[in-house]
N, C-alpha and C. Protein backbone atom coordinates (compact mmCIF):
# COMPACT_ATOMS: atom_id res chain seq x y z
N ARG A 1 -20.35 80.31 -106.71
CA ARG A 1 -19.35 79.69 -105.62
C ARG A 1 -18.87 78.38 -105.94
N PHE A 2 -17.75 78.14 -105.97
CA PHE A 2 -17.20 76.74 -105.90
C PHE A 2 -15.93 76.82 -105.18
N ALA A 3 -15.57 75.41 -104.56
CA ALA A 3 -14.53 75.25 -103.66
C ALA A 3 -13.31 74.80 -104.60
N CYS A 4 -11.98 75.11 -104.51
CA CYS A 4 -11.17 74.86 -105.07
C CYS A 4 -9.71 74.81 -104.21
N LYS A 5 -8.91 73.37 -104.82
CA LYS A 5 -7.74 73.15 -103.80
C LYS A 5 -6.66 73.80 -104.48
N LEU A 6 -5.72 74.59 -103.68
CA LEU A 6 -4.75 75.14 -104.37
C LEU A 6 -3.47 74.86 -103.01
N ALA A 7 -2.16 75.45 -103.39
CA ALA A 7 -1.24 75.02 -102.54
C ALA A 7 -1.61 76.24 -101.25
N PRO A 8 -0.84 75.79 -100.23
CA PRO A 8 -1.43 76.61 -98.97
C PRO A 8 -0.89 78.17 -99.33
N GLU A 9 0.22 78.16 -99.80
CA GLU A 9 0.86 79.74 -100.17
C GLU A 9 0.09 80.38 -101.21
N ARG A 10 -0.39 79.83 -101.84
CA ARG A 10 -1.25 80.76 -103.11
C ARG A 10 -2.67 80.88 -102.25
N ASN A 11 -3.28 79.91 -101.62
CA ASN A 11 -4.23 80.31 -101.20
C ASN A 11 -4.18 81.69 -100.18
N ASP A 12 -3.45 81.83 -99.55
CA ASP A 12 -2.80 82.85 -98.82
C ASP A 12 -3.07 84.15 -99.64
N GLU A 13 -1.93 84.00 -100.59
CA GLU A 13 -1.63 85.31 -101.49
C GLU A 13 -3.26 85.61 -102.05
N LEU A 14 -4.09 84.81 -102.72
CA LEU A 14 -5.20 84.94 -103.43
C LEU A 14 -6.06 85.55 -102.47
N ARG A 15 -6.26 85.04 -101.25
CA ARG A 15 -7.23 85.64 -100.07
C ARG A 15 -6.69 87.09 -99.77
N GLU A 16 -5.27 87.47 -99.79
CA GLU A 16 -4.68 88.40 -99.41
C GLU A 16 -5.36 89.51 -100.35
N HIS A 17 -5.46 89.31 -101.87
CA HIS A 17 -5.70 90.42 -102.94
C HIS A 17 -7.23 90.47 -103.42
N TYR A 18 -8.18 89.37 -102.58
CA TYR A 18 -9.63 89.20 -103.30
C TYR A 18 -10.19 88.69 -102.42
N GLY A 19 -11.15 89.80 -101.92
CA GLY A 19 -12.10 89.51 -101.14
C GLY A 19 -13.04 88.43 -101.49
N ALA A 20 -13.27 87.90 -102.81
CA ALA A 20 -14.21 87.08 -103.12
C ALA A 20 -13.40 85.76 -103.05
N ILE A 21 -12.47 85.81 -102.41
CA ILE A 21 -11.61 84.47 -102.34
C ILE A 21 -11.95 84.04 -100.71
N THR A 22 -12.11 83.20 -100.24
CA THR A 22 -12.52 83.01 -98.93
C THR A 22 -12.10 81.38 -98.57
N PRO A 23 -11.92 81.20 -96.97
CA PRO A 23 -11.19 80.15 -96.85
C PRO A 23 -12.77 79.20 -96.89
N ALA A 24 -12.58 77.65 -97.41
CA ALA A 24 -13.65 77.17 -97.63
C ALA A 24 -14.70 76.78 -96.83
N PHE A 25 -15.91 76.64 -97.02
CA PHE A 25 -16.65 76.24 -95.60
C PHE A 25 -16.45 74.95 -95.97
N HIS A 26 -16.61 74.05 -94.73
CA HIS A 26 -16.64 72.46 -94.35
C HIS A 26 -15.53 71.76 -95.24
N TRP A 27 -14.51 72.47 -95.66
CA TRP A 27 -12.89 71.57 -96.31
C TRP A 27 -11.84 72.36 -95.26
N ASN A 28 -10.75 71.47 -95.66
CA ASN A 28 -9.48 72.06 -94.55
C ASN A 28 -8.77 73.43 -95.39
N LYS A 29 -9.21 74.36 -94.50
CA LYS A 29 -9.16 75.97 -94.78
C LYS A 29 -7.80 76.12 -95.28
N LYS A 30 -6.61 75.16 -95.15
CA LYS A 30 -5.33 75.49 -95.42
C LYS A 30 -5.25 75.28 -96.75
N HIS A 31 -6.08 73.95 -97.60
CA HIS A 31 -5.92 74.01 -98.70
C HIS A 31 -6.96 74.17 -99.65
N TRP A 32 -8.07 74.40 -99.06
CA TRP A 32 -8.99 74.70 -100.05
C TRP A 32 -9.90 76.23 -99.78
N SER A 33 -10.00 76.81 -101.11
CA SER A 33 -11.01 78.27 -100.92
C SER A 33 -12.44 78.39 -101.76
N ASP A 34 -12.98 78.97 -101.21
CA ASP A 34 -14.38 79.16 -102.05
C ASP A 34 -13.73 80.60 -102.84
N VAL A 35 -14.60 79.98 -104.05
CA VAL A 35 -14.40 81.39 -105.17
C VAL A 35 -15.50 81.77 -105.33
N TYR A 36 -16.01 83.29 -105.28
CA TYR A 36 -16.81 83.68 -105.48
C TYR A 36 -16.76 84.20 -106.81
N TYR A 37 -16.85 83.52 -108.05
CA TYR A 37 -16.55 83.48 -109.25
C TYR A 37 -17.51 84.73 -110.02
N THR A 38 -18.49 84.97 -109.49
CA THR A 38 -19.15 86.40 -110.39
C THR A 38 -18.57 87.73 -110.19
N LEU A 39 -17.75 87.45 -108.76
CA LEU A 39 -16.89 88.81 -108.27
C LEU A 39 -15.64 88.90 -109.15
N LEU A 40 -15.16 88.17 -109.43
CA LEU A 40 -13.69 88.21 -110.59
C LEU A 40 -13.67 88.08 -111.94
N SER A 41 -12.63 88.22 -112.37
CA SER A 41 -12.47 88.26 -113.67
C SER A 41 -12.37 86.93 -114.39
N THR A 42 -12.98 86.66 -115.72
CA THR A 42 -12.93 85.27 -115.94
C THR A 42 -11.76 84.71 -116.49
N GLU A 43 -11.01 85.84 -116.37
CA GLU A 43 -9.38 84.92 -116.57
C GLU A 43 -8.93 84.54 -115.44
N LEU A 44 -8.89 85.21 -114.36
CA LEU A 44 -8.19 84.80 -113.10
C LEU A 44 -9.41 83.66 -112.67
N VAL A 45 -10.77 83.26 -112.94
CA VAL A 45 -11.44 82.26 -112.48
C VAL A 45 -10.70 81.08 -113.20
N GLU A 46 -10.67 81.06 -114.45
CA GLU A 46 -10.20 80.35 -115.23
C GLU A 46 -8.56 79.61 -114.94
N ALA A 47 -7.80 80.67 -114.36
CA ALA A 47 -6.69 80.36 -113.89
C ALA A 47 -6.78 79.38 -112.66
N ILE A 48 -7.50 79.81 -112.06
CA ILE A 48 -7.71 79.40 -110.40
C ILE A 48 -8.09 77.95 -110.64
N ILE A 49 -8.82 77.43 -111.94
CA ILE A 49 -9.43 76.27 -112.06
C ILE A 49 -8.30 75.25 -112.52
N ARG A 50 -7.60 75.78 -113.40
CA ARG A 50 -6.29 75.00 -114.29
C ARG A 50 -5.69 74.67 -113.40
N GLU A 51 -5.06 75.84 -112.40
CA GLU A 51 -4.27 75.23 -111.14
C GLU A 51 -4.66 74.59 -110.25
N SER A 52 -5.90 74.53 -109.81
CA SER A 52 -6.25 73.40 -109.09
C SER A 52 -6.62 72.10 -109.80
N HIS A 53 -7.02 72.34 -110.91
CA HIS A 53 -6.82 70.67 -111.72
C HIS A 53 -5.65 70.18 -111.87
N GLN A 54 -4.66 70.78 -112.25
CA GLN A 54 -3.25 70.32 -112.03
C GLN A 54 -2.92 69.73 -110.70
N LEU A 55 -2.93 70.77 -109.39
CA LEU A 55 -2.66 70.16 -108.18
C LEU A 55 -3.32 68.74 -107.69
N ILE A 56 -4.56 68.92 -108.64
CA ILE A 56 -5.19 67.44 -108.11
C ILE A 56 -4.99 66.31 -109.08
N ILE A 57 -4.71 66.51 -110.26
CA ILE A 57 -4.04 65.39 -111.07
C ILE A 57 -2.70 64.93 -110.67
N SER A 58 -1.82 65.96 -110.41
CA SER A 58 -0.51 65.78 -109.59
C SER A 58 -0.67 64.24 -108.43
N THR A 59 -1.78 64.45 -107.87
CA THR A 59 -1.83 63.64 -106.48
C THR A 59 -2.30 62.11 -106.90
N LEU A 60 -2.92 62.06 -108.23
CA LEU A 60 -3.09 60.78 -108.74
C LEU A 60 -2.26 59.40 -108.82
N PRO A 61 -2.49 58.52 -108.90
CA PRO A 61 -1.31 57.23 -108.97
C PRO A 61 -1.02 57.66 -110.74
N LYS A 62 0.07 57.46 -110.95
CA LYS A 62 0.37 57.73 -112.30
C LYS A 62 -0.35 57.05 -113.61
N ALA A 63 -0.98 55.74 -113.35
CA ALA A 63 -1.53 55.44 -114.36
C ALA A 63 -2.69 56.11 -114.77
N VAL A 64 -3.30 56.54 -113.60
CA VAL A 64 -4.47 57.39 -113.52
C VAL A 64 -4.54 58.63 -113.99
N ARG A 65 -3.42 59.42 -113.76
CA ARG A 65 -2.95 61.09 -113.91
C ARG A 65 -2.64 60.86 -115.73
N ALA A 66 -2.18 59.61 -116.47
CA ALA A 66 -2.05 60.01 -117.68
C ALA A 66 -3.23 60.08 -118.25
N LYS A 67 -4.22 59.82 -117.63
CA LYS A 67 -5.75 59.84 -118.58
C LYS A 67 -6.00 61.26 -118.35
N TYR A 68 -6.01 61.84 -117.36
CA TYR A 68 -6.45 63.32 -117.06
C TYR A 68 -5.61 64.56 -117.51
N GLN A 69 -4.36 64.04 -117.73
CA GLN A 69 -3.29 65.59 -117.60
C GLN A 69 -3.59 66.16 -119.00
N ASN A 70 -4.13 65.80 -120.07
CA ASN A 70 -4.54 66.75 -121.22
C ASN A 70 -5.70 66.97 -121.49
N ALA A 71 -6.57 66.36 -120.20
CA ALA A 71 -7.94 67.17 -120.23
C ALA A 71 -8.14 68.48 -120.00
């Protein structure tokens, strides 16, 4: 299991469709979800990780963001 940050609407959508994606324990449940990755397809897990990464990178200061955008 891992926690990821996604847009609130996306969290709602994923939680409705997948029982393996739940509100994150000890995190802001509106923005964070626990992903039980062993119960999901590799493609979906990779897409969730990419989406979470991009969301977090977009909140960084511009000078720092450039360093991570292509990572």
